[in-house]
Amino acid sequence: MGICYIFVPMEKMIYRFLDEYLGDEVTCIKTSTTDVCDTYDIFSKKNKSLILFFKVHRKDGGISIFRGGKLTNTVYSYFNVEPKEVMPIIKDWFGDKHNIKKVGDLMKFVN
């Protein structure tokens, strides 16, 4: 009988890693306020890693999202996936985990 290999897509492996590494719960902290915007950081409760941060623009309520660079580099170092490819996977994982369908859904984390 031969060896059977099971192919697991890279995205699924990274999802499993993020589930274990970051856990299910997050904390959202307002880190700065300016005349232009408020900035919020979203951290893992499990290991305090910054997952992402976002800015809410005061003028129009628009939201800009930024990656957690250290988390991106951690995933890159474990899986050797280019950083530009890692962030969309983290974004999709986070969106799936917390039912984020559109950018405005991030406001549910703001107290």
N, C-alpha and C. Protein backbone atom coordinates (compact mmCIF):
# COMPACT_ATOMS: atom_id res chain seq x y z
N MET A 1 0.85 -1.17 0.00
CA MET A 1 0.00 0.00 0.00
C MET A 1 0.90 1.23 0.00
N GLY A 2 0.57 2.23 -0.82
CA GLY A 2 1.38 3.44 -0.94
C GLY A 2 1.07 4.46 0.13
N ILE A 3 1.85 5.51 0.11
CA ILE A 3 1.66 6.62 1.05
C ILE A 3 0.57 7.53 0.50
N CYS A 4 -0.31 7.95 1.38
CA CYS A 4 -1.40 8.85 1.00
C CYS A 4 -1.09 10.24 1.55
N TYR A 5 -1.03 11.22 0.69
CA TYR A 5 -0.80 12.59 1.11
C TYR A 5 -2.12 13.35 1.09
N ILE A 6 -2.32 14.12 2.12
CA ILE A 6 -3.51 14.95 2.18
C ILE A 6 -3.06 16.39 1.98
N PHE A 7 -3.58 17.02 0.96
CA PHE A 7 -3.24 18.41 0.67
C PHE A 7 -4.15 19.34 1.45
N VAL A 8 -3.55 20.20 2.24
CA VAL A 8 -4.30 21.21 2.97
C VAL A 8 -3.88 22.56 2.40
N PRO A 9 -4.82 23.32 1.87
CA PRO A 9 -4.46 24.63 1.32
C PRO A 9 -3.76 25.50 2.37
N MET A 10 -2.81 26.30 1.90
CA MET A 10 -2.02 27.17 2.79
C MET A 10 -2.94 28.06 3.63
N GLU A 11 -3.99 28.58 3.02
CA GLU A 11 -4.90 29.45 3.76
C GLU A 11 -5.50 28.73 4.97
N LYS A 12 -5.90 27.48 4.79
CA LYS A 12 -6.49 26.71 5.89
C LYS A 12 -5.47 26.46 6.99
N MET A 13 -4.22 26.21 6.61
CA MET A 13 -3.16 26.00 7.60
C MET A 13 -2.92 27.28 8.40
N ILE A 14 -2.94 28.41 7.72
CA ILE A 14 -2.75 29.69 8.41
C ILE A 14 -3.94 29.98 9.31
N TYR A 15 -5.16 29.69 8.86
CA TYR A 15 -6.35 29.85 9.70
C TYR A 15 -6.20 29.04 10.99
N ARG A 16 -5.78 27.80 10.86
CA ARG A 16 -5.59 26.95 12.05
C ARG A 16 -4.55 27.53 12.98
N PHE A 17 -3.45 28.02 12.40
CA PHE A 17 -2.41 28.66 13.20
C PHE A 17 -2.97 29.86 13.94
N LEU A 18 -3.70 30.73 13.24
CA LEU A 18 -4.26 31.93 13.86
C LEU A 18 -5.26 31.57 14.95
N ASP A 19 -6.07 30.54 14.72
CA ASP A 19 -7.01 30.09 15.75
C ASP A 19 -6.27 29.73 17.03
N GLU A 20 -5.19 29.00 16.88
CA GLU A 20 -4.42 28.56 18.05
C GLU A 20 -3.60 29.70 18.65
N TYR A 21 -2.94 30.45 17.81
CA TYR A 21 -2.03 31.52 18.25
C TYR A 21 -2.77 32.70 18.87
N LEU A 22 -3.88 33.11 18.26
CA LEU A 22 -4.60 34.31 18.71
C LEU A 22 -5.85 33.99 19.52
N GLY A 23 -6.43 32.84 19.33
CA GLY A 23 -7.67 32.51 20.03
C GLY A 23 -8.87 33.20 19.41
N ASP A 24 -9.97 33.19 20.15
CA ASP A 24 -11.24 33.70 19.63
C ASP A 24 -11.60 35.11 20.08
N GLU A 25 -11.05 35.55 21.20
CA GLU A 25 -11.48 36.82 21.78
C GLU A 25 -10.48 37.93 21.50
N VAL A 26 -11.03 39.14 21.32
CA VAL A 26 -10.20 40.31 21.07
C VAL A 26 -10.59 41.45 22.00
N THR A 27 -9.67 42.38 22.12
CA THR A 27 -9.88 43.60 22.87
C THR A 27 -9.64 44.76 21.91
N CYS A 28 -10.51 45.76 21.97
CA CYS A 28 -10.37 46.95 21.14
C CYS A 28 -10.09 48.12 22.07
N ILE A 29 -8.99 48.84 21.81
CA ILE A 29 -8.58 49.96 22.65
C ILE A 29 -8.41 51.20 21.78
N LYS A 30 -8.99 52.30 22.23
CA LYS A 30 -8.77 53.57 21.54
C LYS A 30 -7.37 54.05 21.92
N THR A 31 -6.51 54.20 20.93
CA THR A 31 -5.12 54.54 21.21
C THR A 31 -4.77 56.00 20.94
N SER A 32 -5.57 56.69 20.13
CA SER A 32 -5.31 58.12 19.93
C SER A 32 -6.55 58.82 19.38
N THR A 33 -6.57 60.11 19.65
CA THR A 33 -7.63 60.98 19.14
C THR A 33 -6.98 62.25 18.62
N THR A 34 -7.34 62.62 17.41
CA THR A 34 -6.87 63.88 16.85
C THR A 34 -8.08 64.64 16.31
N ASP A 35 -7.83 65.80 15.77
CA ASP A 35 -8.91 66.56 15.14
C ASP A 35 -9.43 65.84 13.90
N VAL A 36 -8.60 64.98 13.33
CA VAL A 36 -8.93 64.32 12.08
C VAL A 36 -9.58 62.95 12.29
N CYS A 37 -9.07 62.17 13.27
CA CYS A 37 -9.58 60.81 13.42
C CYS A 37 -9.33 60.24 14.82
N ASP A 38 -10.01 59.14 15.10
CA ASP A 38 -9.77 58.32 16.28
C ASP A 38 -9.14 57.02 15.80
N THR A 39 -8.13 56.55 16.53
CA THR A 39 -7.44 55.31 16.17
C THR A 39 -7.72 54.25 17.21
N TYR A 40 -8.02 53.04 16.74
CA TYR A 40 -8.33 51.90 17.60
C TYR A 40 -7.43 50.73 17.24
N ASP A 41 -6.93 50.05 18.26
CA ASP A 41 -6.13 48.84 18.07
C ASP A 41 -6.97 47.64 18.49
N ILE A 42 -6.89 46.57 17.71
CA ILE A 42 -7.56 45.32 18.07
C ILE A 42 -6.49 44.28 18.37
N PHE A 43 -6.50 43.81 19.63
CA PHE A 43 -5.52 42.85 20.13
C PHE A 43 -6.18 41.51 20.43
N SER A 44 -5.39 40.46 20.36
CA SER A 44 -5.82 39.15 20.83
C SER A 44 -5.83 39.17 22.36
N LYS A 45 -6.91 38.68 22.97
CA LYS A 45 -6.93 38.56 24.43
C LYS A 45 -5.97 37.46 24.88
N LYS A 46 -5.78 36.46 24.04
CA LYS A 46 -4.96 35.30 24.41
C LYS A 46 -3.49 35.67 24.59
N ASN A 47 -2.91 36.37 23.61
CA ASN A 47 -1.48 36.65 23.71
C ASN A 47 -1.11 38.12 23.49
N LYS A 48 -2.12 38.96 23.47
CA LYS A 48 -1.93 40.41 23.36
C LYS A 48 -1.30 40.87 22.05
N SER A 49 -1.32 40.05 21.02
CA SER A 49 -0.78 40.45 19.71
C SER A 49 -1.72 41.43 19.03
N LEU A 50 -1.14 42.45 18.42
CA LEU A 50 -1.92 43.40 17.63
C LEU A 50 -2.32 42.72 16.33
N ILE A 51 -3.62 42.60 16.11
CA ILE A 51 -4.13 41.98 14.88
C ILE A 51 -4.22 43.02 13.79
N LEU A 52 -4.85 44.15 14.12
CA LEU A 52 -4.99 45.25 13.17
C LEU A 52 -5.30 46.51 13.94
N PHE A 53 -5.18 47.64 13.27
CA PHE A 53 -5.68 48.88 13.84
C PHE A 53 -6.42 49.63 12.76
N PHE A 54 -7.33 50.48 13.20
CA PHE A 54 -8.12 51.23 12.23
C PHE A 54 -8.36 52.64 12.71
N LYS A 55 -8.56 53.51 11.75
CA LYS A 55 -8.82 54.93 12.03
C LYS A 55 -10.21 55.27 11.54
N VAL A 56 -10.95 55.95 12.39
CA VAL A 56 -12.29 56.44 12.03
C VAL A 56 -12.16 57.94 11.81
N HIS A 57 -12.39 58.35 10.59
CA HIS A 57 -12.23 59.75 10.21
C HIS A 57 -13.43 60.56 10.68
N ARG A 58 -13.14 61.64 11.37
CA ARG A 58 -14.21 62.46 11.97
C ARG A 58 -15.08 63.15 10.93
N LYS A 59 -14.49 63.57 9.84
CA LYS A 59 -15.22 64.35 8.84
C LYS A 59 -16.36 63.56 8.20
N ASP A 60 -16.05 62.33 7.78
CA ASP A 60 -17.05 61.58 7.01
C ASP A 60 -17.38 60.20 7.60
N GLY A 61 -16.74 59.83 8.72
CA GLY A 61 -16.99 58.53 9.33
C GLY A 61 -16.33 57.38 8.60
N GLY A 62 -15.51 57.71 7.59
CA GLY A 62 -14.80 56.68 6.85
C GLY A 62 -13.81 55.94 7.74
N ILE A 63 -13.51 54.71 7.39
CA ILE A 63 -12.61 53.88 8.18
C ILE A 63 -11.46 53.41 7.31
N SER A 64 -10.25 53.57 7.84
CA SER A 64 -9.05 53.05 7.20
C SER A 64 -8.49 51.95 8.08
N ILE A 65 -8.14 50.81 7.48
CA ILE A 65 -7.64 49.65 8.23
C ILE A 65 -6.17 49.45 7.90
N PHE A 66 -5.40 49.09 8.95
CA PHE A 66 -3.97 48.86 8.81
C PHE A 66 -3.60 47.53 9.46
N ARG A 67 -2.61 46.88 8.91
CA ARG A 67 -2.22 45.57 9.41
C ARG A 67 -1.36 45.68 10.65
N GLY A 68 -1.39 44.63 11.45
CA GLY A 68 -0.46 44.48 12.54
C GLY A 68 0.82 43.89 11.97
N GLY A 69 1.84 44.69 11.85
CA GLY A 69 3.08 44.27 11.19
C GLY A 69 3.75 43.09 11.85
N LYS A 70 3.77 43.06 13.17
CA LYS A 70 4.43 41.96 13.87
C LYS A 70 3.71 40.64 13.61
N LEU A 71 2.38 40.66 13.61
CA LEU A 71 1.61 39.44 13.33
C LEU A 71 1.87 38.97 11.90
N THR A 72 1.88 39.89 10.96
CA THR A 72 2.17 39.54 9.57
C THR A 72 3.54 38.87 9.47
N ASN A 73 4.52 39.44 10.15
CA ASN A 73 5.87 38.87 10.11
C ASN A 73 5.94 37.51 10.80
N THR A 74 5.16 37.32 11.85
CA THR A 74 5.12 36.02 12.53
C THR A 74 4.58 34.95 11.60
N VAL A 75 3.46 35.25 10.93
CA VAL A 75 2.88 34.29 10.00
C VAL A 75 3.85 34.03 8.85
N TYR A 76 4.46 35.08 8.35
CA TYR A 76 5.43 34.95 7.26
C TYR A 76 6.58 34.02 7.67
N SER A 77 7.07 34.20 8.89
CA SER A 77 8.21 33.39 9.32
C SER A 77 7.85 31.91 9.49
N TYR A 78 6.62 31.62 9.88
CA TYR A 78 6.20 30.23 10.05
C TYR A 78 5.87 29.55 8.72
N PHE A 79 5.29 30.31 7.80
CA PHE A 79 4.76 29.70 6.57
C PHE A 79 5.50 30.11 5.31
N ASN A 80 6.42 31.06 5.42
CA ASN A 80 7.18 31.52 4.27
C ASN A 80 6.26 31.97 3.13
N VAL A 81 5.22 32.69 3.51
CA VAL A 81 4.30 33.30 2.55
C VAL A 81 4.62 34.79 2.51
N GLU A 82 4.70 35.35 1.34
CA GLU A 82 5.04 36.77 1.20
C GLU A 82 4.12 37.63 2.06
N PRO A 83 4.69 38.65 2.74
CA PRO A 83 3.87 39.52 3.59
C PRO A 83 2.65 40.11 2.87
N LYS A 84 2.78 40.45 1.59
CA LYS A 84 1.64 41.02 0.86
C LYS A 84 0.53 39.99 0.66
N GLU A 85 0.88 38.69 0.76
CA GLU A 85 -0.12 37.63 0.65
C GLU A 85 -0.70 37.25 2.00
N VAL A 86 0.05 37.55 3.06
CA VAL A 86 -0.38 37.18 4.42
C VAL A 86 -1.54 38.05 4.90
N MET A 87 -1.46 39.35 4.67
CA MET A 87 -2.48 40.25 5.23
C MET A 87 -3.88 39.95 4.75
N PRO A 88 -4.12 39.67 3.47
CA PRO A 88 -5.49 39.32 3.07
C PRO A 88 -5.99 38.05 3.78
N ILE A 89 -5.09 37.11 4.04
CA ILE A 89 -5.50 35.89 4.75
C ILE A 89 -5.88 36.21 6.18
N ILE A 90 -5.07 37.05 6.84
CA ILE A 90 -5.39 37.46 8.22
C ILE A 90 -6.70 38.24 8.24
N LYS A 91 -6.87 39.13 7.26
CA LYS A 91 -8.11 39.92 7.18
C LYS A 91 -9.32 39.02 7.01
N ASP A 92 -9.22 38.04 6.12
CA ASP A 92 -10.34 37.12 5.90
C ASP A 92 -10.60 36.26 7.13
N TRP A 93 -9.53 35.79 7.77
CA TRP A 93 -9.68 34.99 9.00
C TRP A 93 -10.41 35.82 10.07
N PHE A 94 -9.96 37.06 10.26
CA PHE A 94 -10.57 37.93 11.27
C PHE A 94 -12.02 38.20 10.92
N GLY A 95 -12.30 38.49 9.66
CA GLY A 95 -13.67 38.75 9.23
C GLY A 95 -14.57 37.55 9.43
N ASP A 96 -14.09 36.36 9.10
CA ASP A 96 -14.88 35.14 9.29
C ASP A 96 -15.11 34.87 10.77
N LYS A 97 -14.06 35.04 11.57
CA LYS A 97 -14.12 34.74 13.00
C LYS A 97 -15.10 35.68 13.73
N HIS A 98 -15.16 36.94 13.30
CA HIS A 98 -15.95 37.94 14.03
C HIS A 98 -17.11 38.50 13.22
N ASN A 99 -17.48 37.79 12.16
CA ASN A 99 -18.64 38.16 11.36
C ASN A 99 -18.56 39.60 10.84
N ILE A 100 -17.41 39.94 10.29
CA ILE A 100 -17.20 41.25 9.69
C ILE A 100 -17.45 41.11 8.20
N LYS A 101 -18.50 41.71 7.72
CA LYS A 101 -18.86 41.62 6.31
C LYS A 101 -18.43 42.86 5.52
N LYS A 102 -18.42 44.00 6.21
CA LYS A 102 -17.98 45.24 5.58
C LYS A 102 -17.17 46.04 6.60
N VAL A 103 -16.40 46.99 6.11
CA VAL A 103 -15.48 47.75 6.95
C VAL A 103 -16.21 48.38 8.14
N GLY A 104 -17.40 48.90 7.93
CA GLY A 104 -18.16 49.55 9.00
C GLY A 104 -18.49 48.62 10.16
N ASP A 105 -18.47 47.31 9.92
CA ASP A 105 -18.75 46.35 10.99
C ASP A 105 -17.71 46.39 12.10
N LEU A 106 -16.54 46.97 11.82
CA LEU A 106 -15.52 47.11 12.86
C LEU A 106 -16.00 47.98 14.02
N MET A 107 -16.97 48.82 13.76
CA MET A 107 -17.47 49.71 14.81
C MET A 107 -18.13 48.96 15.95
N LYS A 108 -18.48 47.71 15.75
CA LYS A 108 -19.08 46.93 16.84
C LYS A 108 -18.08 46.70 17.96
N PHE A 109 -16.77 46.86 17.69
CA PHE A 109 -15.75 46.69 18.72
C PHE A 109 -15.53 47.95 19.53
N VAL A 110 -16.01 49.08 19.05
CA VAL A 110 -15.82 50.36 19.72
C VAL A 110 -16.84 50.52 20.83
N ASN A 111 -16.34 50.77 22.02
CA ASN A 111 -17.26 50.94 23.18
C ASN A 111 -17.84 52.31 23.25
